[in-house]
Protein backbone atom coordinates (compact mmCIF):
# COMPACT_ATOMS: atom_id res chain seq x y z
CA UNK A 1 -104.01 37.84 -38.54
CA UNK A 2 -103.57 39.62 -41.26
CA UNK A 3 -106.12 39.27 -44.44
CA UNK A 4 -103.15 41.39 -46.86
CA UNK A 5 -99.17 40.78 -47.53
CA UNK A 6 -96.64 42.51 -48.86
CA UNK A 7 -95.37 39.18 -49.74
CA UNK A 8 -96.36 35.58 -49.09
CA UNK A 9 -93.60 32.95 -48.13
CA UNK A 10 -94.93 29.31 -47.64
CA UNK A 11 -92.84 27.55 -45.71
CA UNK A 12 -90.95 27.97 -42.51
CA UNK A 13 -87.56 26.08 -42.54
CA UNK A 14 -84.27 27.57 -43.63
CA UNK A 15 -85.19 29.31 -47.10
CA UNK A 16 -88.32 30.75 -46.05
CA UNK A 17 -86.59 32.13 -43.00
CA UNK A 18 -83.70 33.66 -44.96
CA UNK A 19 -85.84 35.25 -47.20
CA UNK A 20 -88.04 36.61 -45.07
CA UNK A 21 -84.68 38.10 -43.21
CA UNK A 22 -83.07 39.76 -46.39
CA UNK A 23 -87.00 40.77 -47.51
CA UNK A 24 -87.72 42.31 -43.98
CA UNK A 25 -84.18 44.01 -43.81
CA UNK A 26 -84.97 45.89 -47.37
CA UNK A 27 -88.18 47.33 -45.61
CA UNK A 28 -90.48 44.44 -46.93
CA UNK A 29 -92.87 42.96 -44.82
CA UNK A 30 -93.28 39.25 -45.65
CA UNK A 31 -95.95 36.81 -44.12
CA UNK A 32 -94.67 33.18 -43.46
CA UNK A 33 -97.33 30.71 -43.74
CA UNK A 34 -96.27 27.32 -41.93
CA UNK A 35 -98.35 24.19 -41.96
CA UNK A 36 -96.86 23.20 -38.81
CA UNK A 37 -94.13 24.96 -36.87
CA UNK A 38 -90.13 26.31 -37.71
CA UNK A 39 -88.56 23.55 -39.46
CA UNK A 40 -91.03 21.29 -38.78
CA UNK A 41 -90.25 19.94 -42.78
CA UNK A 42 -86.99 19.06 -44.40
CA UNK A 43 -84.33 21.48 -42.31
CA UNK A 44 -85.50 20.47 -39.01
CA UNK A 45 -83.80 16.72 -40.19
CA UNK A 46 -80.78 18.19 -41.80
CA UNK A 47 -77.06 17.18 -40.89
CA UNK A 48 -76.45 20.58 -40.45
CA UNK A 49 -73.00 20.42 -42.90
CA UNK A 50 -71.50 23.95 -43.97
CA UNK A 51 -69.42 23.00 -46.43
CA UNK A 52 -68.00 24.73 -49.99
CA UNK A 53 -67.12 21.53 -52.11
CA UNK A 54 -69.84 20.99 -54.85
CA UNK A 55 -68.63 20.16 -58.44
CA UNK A 56 -71.08 22.90 -59.76
CA UNK A 57 -69.60 26.05 -59.80
CA UNK A 58 -73.11 28.29 -58.75
CA UNK A 59 -73.43 25.90 -56.01
CA UNK A 60 -70.21 26.18 -54.82
CA UNK A 61 -70.43 30.25 -54.60
CA UNK A 62 -73.52 30.06 -52.68
CA UNK A 63 -71.73 27.93 -50.22
CA UNK A 64 -69.20 30.65 -49.94
CA UNK A 65 -71.51 33.32 -49.58
CA UNK A 66 -73.60 31.53 -47.09
CA UNK A 67 -69.96 30.90 -45.12
CA UNK A 68 -70.33 34.45 -44.65
CA UNK A 69 -73.02 34.62 -42.74
CA UNK A 70 -72.14 31.21 -40.85
CA UNK A 71 -68.87 32.49 -39.19
CA UNK A 72 -70.31 36.13 -38.39
CA UNK A 73 -74.04 34.79 -37.28
CA UNK A 74 -74.08 37.22 -34.65
CA UNK A 75 -72.92 40.43 -36.11
CA UNK A 76 -74.41 39.55 -39.68
CA UNK A 77 -78.30 38.02 -38.25
CA UNK A 78 -78.20 38.36 -34.06
CA UNK A 79 -78.62 35.08 -32.43
CA UNK A 80 -76.91 31.85 -32.82
CA UNK A 81 -76.51 29.28 -35.54
CA UNK A 82 -74.44 26.80 -33.67
CA UNK A 83 -71.88 27.01 -36.14
CA UNK A 84 -69.00 24.74 -34.73
CA UNK A 85 -65.44 24.36 -37.08
CA UNK A 86 -64.37 20.79 -37.81
CA UNK A 87 -62.77 21.13 -40.98
CA UNK A 88 -64.02 19.03 -43.69
CA UNK A 89 -62.89 16.22 -46.13
CA UNK A 90 -64.51 15.32 -49.63
CA UNK A 91 -63.38 11.40 -50.15
CA UNK A 92 -63.30 10.06 -53.66
CA UNK A 93 -62.60 7.27 -55.38
CA UNK A 94 -59.46 6.76 -56.93
CA UNK A 95 -60.60 7.14 -60.64
CA UNK A 96 -62.48 10.82 -59.84
CA UNK A 97 -59.43 11.99 -58.34
CA UNK A 98 -58.59 14.49 -61.83
CA UNK A 99 -61.97 15.88 -60.87
CA UNK A 100 -61.21 16.24 -57.20
CA UNK A 101 -58.01 18.37 -58.84
CA UNK A 102 -59.95 20.17 -60.38
CA UNK A 103 -63.03 21.26 -58.53
CA UNK A 104 -60.47 21.97 -55.88
CA UNK A 105 -58.90 24.41 -57.91
CA UNK A 106 -62.18 26.22 -59.12
CA UNK A 107 -62.97 26.57 -55.47
CA UNK A 108 -59.93 28.18 -54.79
CA UNK A 109 -60.16 30.63 -58.27
CA UNK A 110 -63.37 31.87 -56.30
CA UNK A 111 -61.73 31.93 -53.06
CA UNK A 112 -62.92 29.04 -50.87
CA UNK A 113 -60.07 28.77 -48.38
CA UNK A 114 -59.73 24.58 -50.05
CA UNK A 115 -56.26 22.51 -50.55
CA UNK A 116 -55.75 19.05 -52.05
CA UNK A 117 -54.07 16.52 -49.17
CA UNK A 118 -53.00 13.07 -49.18
CA UNK A 119 -53.79 10.66 -47.54
CA UNK A 120 -51.27 10.60 -45.03
CA UNK A 121 -52.43 14.01 -44.45
CA UNK A 122 -55.68 12.83 -43.75
CA UNK A 123 -54.33 10.17 -41.32
CA UNK A 124 -52.33 12.48 -39.29
CA UNK A 125 -55.83 14.98 -39.03
CA UNK A 126 -57.51 11.84 -38.22
CA UNK A 127 -55.74 9.29 -36.79
CA UNK A 128 -58.46 7.02 -36.37
CA UNK A 129 -59.46 7.03 -39.85
CA UNK A 130 -58.80 4.28 -42.40
CA UNK A 131 -57.30 5.74 -45.34
CA UNK A 132 -55.89 3.10 -47.78
CA UNK A 133 -58.32 3.52 -49.97
CA UNK A 134 -57.88 6.92 -51.75
CA UNK A 135 -54.87 8.84 -52.70
CA UNK A 136 -55.74 12.43 -52.24
CA UNK A 137 -58.82 14.20 -50.45
CA UNK A 138 -60.02 17.67 -50.44
CA UNK A 139 -59.91 19.83 -47.16
CA UNK A 140 -61.52 22.29 -46.06
CA UNK A 141 -60.02 23.54 -42.90
CA UNK A 142 -62.56 26.31 -41.81
CA UNK A 143 -65.85 24.15 -42.63
CA UNK A 144 -68.16 22.46 -40.41
CA UNK A 145 -71.37 22.22 -38.93
CA UNK A 146 -73.88 24.34 -37.51
CA UNK A 147 -77.63 23.84 -35.97
CA UNK A 148 -80.42 24.23 -38.82
CA UNK A 149 -82.88 24.53 -36.03
CA UNK A 150 -81.18 27.62 -34.37
CA UNK A 151 -80.56 29.05 -37.55
CA UNK A 152 -83.59 28.76 -38.76
CA UNK A 153 -85.33 30.69 -35.19
CA UNK A 154 -82.56 33.35 -35.63
CA UNK A 155 -84.01 34.34 -39.01
CA UNK A 156 -87.17 34.50 -38.12
CA UNK A 157 -86.88 36.62 -34.88
CA UNK A 158 -84.75 38.94 -37.07
CA UNK A 159 -87.12 39.17 -39.68
CA UNK A 160 -89.79 39.62 -37.05
CA UNK A 161 -88.21 42.32 -35.57
CA UNK A 162 -87.84 43.98 -38.67
CA UNK A 163 -91.95 43.81 -39.87
CA UNK A 164 -92.43 40.00 -41.01
CA UNK A 165 -95.10 38.03 -39.59
CA UNK A 166 -94.76 34.28 -39.01
CA UNK A 167 -98.43 32.11 -38.84
CA UNK A 168 -97.42 28.53 -37.91
CA UNK A 169 -100.57 25.99 -37.76
CA UNK A 170 -101.62 27.39 -40.96
CA UNK A 171 -101.79 25.13 -44.11
CA UNK A 172 -101.70 26.90 -47.75
CA UNK A 173 -104.61 25.35 -49.81
CA UNK A 174 -105.10 27.09 -52.44
CA UNK A 175 -103.19 29.99 -54.60
CA UNK A 176 -105.19 32.81 -56.11
CA UNK A 177 -104.83 34.34 -59.35
CA UNK A 178 -106.34 36.41 -62.10
CA UNK A 179 -105.14 37.65 -65.44
CA UNK A 180 -102.29 35.08 -64.95
CA UNK A 181 -101.25 36.76 -61.85
CA UNK A 182 -101.42 35.96 -58.53
CA UNK A 183 -102.78 37.78 -55.49
CA UNK A 184 -103.27 35.43 -52.94
CA UNK A 185 -103.38 32.61 -51.50
CA UNK A 186 -106.18 30.36 -49.07
CA UNK A 187 -105.49 28.75 -46.01
CA UNK A 188 -107.02 26.52 -42.99
CA UNK A 189 -107.53 29.82 -41.26
CA UNK A 190 -108.29 32.82 -44.54
CA UNK A 191 -107.34 34.20 -47.01
CA UNK A 192 -104.47 36.53 -47.61
CA UNK A 193 -104.40 38.96 -50.94
CA UNK A 194 -100.63 39.24 -51.76
CA UNK A 195 -98.85 40.37 -55.23
CA UNK A 196 -96.28 37.84 -54.45
CA UNK A 197 -96.46 33.99 -53.40
CA UNK A 198 -93.12 32.37 -52.65
CA UNK A 199 -93.34 28.25 -53.06
CA UNK A 200 -90.42 27.37 -50.39
CA UNK A 201 -92.37 24.36 -49.25
CA UNK A 202 -89.79 21.81 -48.94
CA UNK A 203 -91.25 18.16 -49.53
CA UNK A 204 -94.64 19.86 -50.05
CA UNK A 205 -93.01 22.32 -52.61
CA UNK A 206 -94.91 20.24 -55.91
CA UNK A 207 -98.58 20.25 -54.27
CA UNK A 208 -97.94 24.12 -53.85
CA UNK A 209 -96.79 24.32 -57.09
CA UNK A 210 -100.06 22.45 -58.49
CA UNK A 211 -102.24 25.35 -57.21
CA UNK A 212 -100.52 27.74 -59.15
CA UNK A 213 -100.87 24.99 -62.37
CA UNK A 214 -97.47 23.86 -62.53
CA UNK A 215 -96.06 20.52 -62.62
CA UNK A 216 -93.06 20.86 -60.77
CA UNK A 217 -90.58 17.83 -61.25
CA UNK A 218 -89.82 17.52 -57.70
CA UNK A 219 -90.06 13.92 -55.70
CA UNK A 220 -90.39 13.18 -52.38
CA UNK A 221 -86.75 11.69 -50.87
CA UNK A 222 -86.37 10.24 -47.81
CA UNK A 223 -83.30 10.07 -45.74
CA UNK A 224 -82.53 8.49 -42.48
CA UNK A 225 -79.64 9.18 -39.93
CA UNK A 226 -78.36 8.02 -37.20
CA UNK A 227 -76.04 9.39 -34.18
CA UNK A 228 -73.59 7.06 -32.63
CA UNK A 229 -71.63 7.53 -29.01
CA UNK A 230 -68.19 7.06 -30.05
CA UNK A 231 -65.89 5.48 -28.27
CA UNK A 232 -63.26 7.47 -26.27
CA UNK A 233 -59.92 6.34 -28.32
CA UNK A 234 -61.22 8.41 -31.20
CA UNK A 235 -60.75 11.48 -29.31
CA UNK A 236 -62.97 14.58 -28.57
CA UNK A 237 -64.11 15.66 -32.40
CA UNK A 238 -63.05 14.42 -35.93
CA UNK A 239 -63.58 16.55 -39.31
CA UNK A 240 -67.04 15.78 -41.10
CA UNK A 241 -66.96 13.94 -44.08
CA UNK A 242 -68.82 13.39 -47.41
CA UNK A 243 -66.92 9.73 -48.03
CA UNK A 244 -68.35 9.09 -51.34
CA UNK A 245 -65.80 5.69 -51.55
CA UNK A 246 -68.72 4.26 -48.71
CA UNK A 247 -71.67 6.34 -50.19
CA UNK A 248 -72.19 8.09 -46.63
CA UNK A 249 -71.13 11.61 -45.14
CA UNK A 250 -70.57 11.95 -41.09
CA UNK A 251 -69.63 14.59 -38.85
CA UNK A 252 -68.91 15.26 -35.19
CA UNK A 253 -71.64 16.55 -32.44
CA UNK A 254 -71.35 17.56 -29.25
CA UNK A 255 -71.30 15.11 -26.57
CA UNK A 256 -69.00 12.44 -27.74
CA UNK A 257 -71.81 11.44 -30.95
CA UNK A 258 -71.33 11.17 -34.55
CA UNK A 259 -73.78 11.44 -37.05
CA UNK A 260 -73.86 9.08 -40.12
CA UNK A 261 -75.89 9.19 -42.88
CA UNK A 262 -75.82 7.08 -46.09
CA UNK A 263 -75.82 8.39 -49.81
CA UNK A 264 -77.70 5.09 -51.49
CA UNK A 265 -80.76 3.37 -50.55
CA UNK A 266 -83.12 6.33 -49.88
CA UNK A 267 -86.58 6.23 -51.31
CA UNK A 268 -88.11 8.17 -53.65
CA UNK A 269 -91.53 8.95 -54.39
CA UNK A 270 -93.40 8.32 -50.20
CA UNK A 271 -95.63 10.73 -48.67
CA UNK A 272 -93.87 13.38 -46.82
CA UNK A 273 -96.48 12.62 -43.76
CA UNK A 274 -94.15 9.51 -43.07
CA UNK A 275 -92.87 8.64 -39.75
CA UNK A 276 -89.88 10.49 -39.47
CA UNK A 277 -89.28 9.78 -36.05
CA UNK A 278 -87.64 6.48 -36.63
CA UNK A 279 -85.34 5.66 -39.15
CA UNK A 280 -86.15 2.88 -41.90
CA UNK A 281 -86.08 -1.11 -40.30
CA UNK A 282 -82.61 -2.00 -41.79
CA UNK A 283 -81.16 1.37 -42.08
CA UNK A 284 -79.26 1.47 -38.51
CA UNK A 285 -77.26 -1.94 -39.27
CA UNK A 286 -76.33 -0.59 -42.85
CA UNK A 287 -75.10 2.81 -41.23
CA UNK A 288 -73.07 1.03 -38.63
CA UNK A 289 -71.44 -1.09 -41.01
CA UNK A 290 -70.81 1.84 -43.31
CA UNK A 291 -68.61 3.96 -40.40
CA UNK A 292 -66.87 0.98 -39.66
CA UNK A 293 -65.40 0.62 -43.28
CA UNK A 294 -63.77 3.93 -42.47
CA UNK A 295 -63.28 3.90 -38.87
CA UNK A 296 -62.45 0.32 -37.75
CA UNK A 297 -62.37 1.96 -34.25
CA UNK A 298 -66.43 2.17 -34.40
CA UNK A 299 -67.17 -1.36 -33.59
CA UNK A 300 -67.00 -0.36 -29.86
CA UNK A 301 -69.35 2.57 -30.66
CA UNK A 302 -73.14 2.36 -29.34
CA UNK A 303 -75.89 3.61 -30.91
CA UNK A 304 -77.49 6.70 -29.54
CA UNK A 305 -80.95 7.76 -31.97
CA UNK A 306 -81.81 7.14 -35.37
CA UNK A 307 -84.55 9.06 -37.22
CA UNK A 308 -85.84 10.13 -40.71
CA UNK A 309 -86.54 13.35 -42.85
CA UNK A 310 -87.82 13.94 -46.22
CA UNK A 311 -87.14 16.88 -48.66
CA UNK A 312 -88.06 17.22 -52.50
CA UNK A 313 -85.22 16.37 -55.12
CA UNK A 314 -85.33 17.51 -58.88
CA UNK A 315 -84.15 15.19 -61.29
CA UNK A 316 -80.51 16.73 -61.53
CA UNK A 317 -80.47 16.59 -57.45
CA UNK A 318 -80.54 20.57 -58.17
CA UNK A 319 -82.57 23.59 -56.94
CA UNK A 320 -85.25 25.70 -58.57
CA UNK A 321 -84.89 28.99 -58.34
CA UNK A 322 -86.96 32.05 -59.86
CA UNK A 323 -89.90 32.90 -61.42
CA UNK A 324 -92.32 30.28 -62.81
CA UNK A 325 -96.13 30.00 -63.60
CA UNK A 326 -98.56 33.18 -62.87
CA UNK A 327 -96.63 36.60 -62.70
CA UNK A 328 -95.81 37.35 -59.38
CA UNK A 329 -95.48 33.27 -58.41
CA UNK A 330 -91.63 32.56 -57.18
CA UNK A 331 -89.99 28.71 -56.36
CA UNK A 332 -87.14 28.00 -53.73
CA UNK A 333 -87.94 24.18 -53.41
CA UNK A 334 -86.12 21.12 -54.65
CA UNK A 335 -82.95 21.46 -53.12
CA UNK A 336 -82.34 17.59 -52.90
CA UNK A 337 -80.63 16.88 -49.35
CA UNK A 338 -78.15 19.53 -49.80
CA UNK A 339 -80.19 22.81 -49.03
CA UNK A 340 -79.03 24.38 -45.62
CA UNK A 341 -75.59 25.41 -46.04
CA UNK A 342 -76.70 27.98 -48.91
CA UNK A 343 -79.71 28.63 -47.44
CA UNK A 344 -78.37 32.33 -46.21
CA UNK A 345 -77.18 33.32 -49.97
CA UNK A 346 -80.27 31.82 -51.42
CA UNK A 347 -82.45 33.94 -49.39
CA UNK A 348 -80.28 36.95 -50.66
CA UNK A 349 -80.41 36.23 -53.69
CA UNK A 350 -84.31 35.55 -53.81
CA UNK A 351 -84.97 39.13 -52.65
CA UNK A 352 -82.46 40.69 -55.07
CA UNK A 353 -84.50 38.51 -57.74
CA UNK A 354 -87.92 39.61 -56.32
CA UNK A 355 -87.19 43.20 -55.57
CA UNK A 356 -84.41 44.17 -58.31
CA UNK A 357 -84.83 41.86 -60.96
CA UNK A 358 -81.87 39.98 -60.72
CA UNK A 359 -79.61 38.50 -58.39
CA UNK A 360 -76.32 39.94 -57.52
CA UNK A 361 -74.71 38.20 -54.55
CA UNK A 362 -74.87 35.01 -57.30
CA UNK A 363 -76.28 34.30 -60.55
CA UNK A 364 -79.09 31.77 -59.78
CA UNK A 365 -79.87 31.77 -63.38
CA UNK A 366 -78.65 28.02 -64.17
CA UNK A 367 -81.06 27.15 -61.45
CA UNK A 368 -84.51 28.26 -63.33
CA UNK A 369 -87.32 25.32 -63.96
CA UNK A 370 -87.03 26.03 -67.84
CA UNK A 371 -83.84 23.97 -67.75
CA UNK A 372 -86.09 21.16 -67.49
CA UNK A 373 -88.19 21.52 -70.28
CA UNK A 374 -84.66 22.88 -72.03
CA UNK A 375 -82.81 19.97 -71.51
CA UNK A 376 -80.34 21.38 -69.78
CA UNK A 377 -79.67 20.03 -66.66
CA UNK A 378 -77.05 21.44 -64.29
CA UNK A 379 -73.98 18.82 -63.89
CA UNK A 380 -70.71 19.67 -62.97
CA UNK A 381 -67.79 20.12 -65.51
CA UNK A 382 -66.09 17.74 -63.39
CA UNK A 383 -69.13 15.74 -61.85
CA UNK A 384 -68.95 13.02 -59.66
CA UNK A 385 -71.41 9.94 -59.45
CA UNK A 386 -74.82 11.37 -57.88
CA UNK A 387 -75.07 12.66 -54.41
CA UNK A 388 -77.92 10.24 -53.70
CA UNK A 389 -78.21 6.89 -55.28
């Protein structure tokens, strides 16, 4: 095990490994420290949606830049990310239809293939869907989902081929500092010296921040999901959907399955060490009732599996990106349950920031930690309700 590193990255989820990949491509040899194994935290429990619909332009730009990776993964990264094109629908309550129109216009200005469709159009796209409770939807025909575990493994493999190192079963126990600068970490195995340390620790990010002397506004957020076996009459697939009307999202999965998650009732403040092999009591029943509101024929579905996961959530439900605290300490955390789809571009931006002093792929300065003390919480110009409520 090395005792020195060019850069230390704490956390081997999609963001830690994406950053390792981009740094290694630039000739830097980072060491990635993971308390358990690849994608063991928030990434491994991600639902894997790949879509660009956000009400905040910097997030849409990150998602659009990341989409280029997912669409061209083999050529850009190598290996397989499991990207599956399904098309994506954003459904909102009628009082938010003007916001929906404005956000689609913003996406089109960026270059995202997004368009407004009517409820009749949605019924043609997905005949099994109930469509009487909205007039308009946003549709991204090129979007879909990818496999978070495969994506993370591919990023790490490509990074290792360029000189990065992954150390698993290695918990960081302290951040080493002197003269207001970081100079390494203490771990459950041994100390490692480095002038740069990255906190990409997902639901443990606040704990790592405290080691560096930071009180990060990140709490732990619990999220459960189920897989159900679709009735045959729904067909071999359907679009991926964020359904704000019914406070849920869902997407197809291979093998005739559909994944369902809910936007409400997610617990805040639990230990990230909680049971993730099972959903919380009552969740399965709530999720089944909810999906049947949009797809009535799901009443004939059957339960395949249910599980939980944890991530870090911030007060504005947006990520924290950038340098903070002692010199050489950087934050890549607080993704609030929507980080997977922007992982590739965030890694590119953070590598630019660390090595060149400024991100150029996308301007990530709005995601600075300082926004919380300055009262500049991020909110879309044409916002919807909070994603999680």
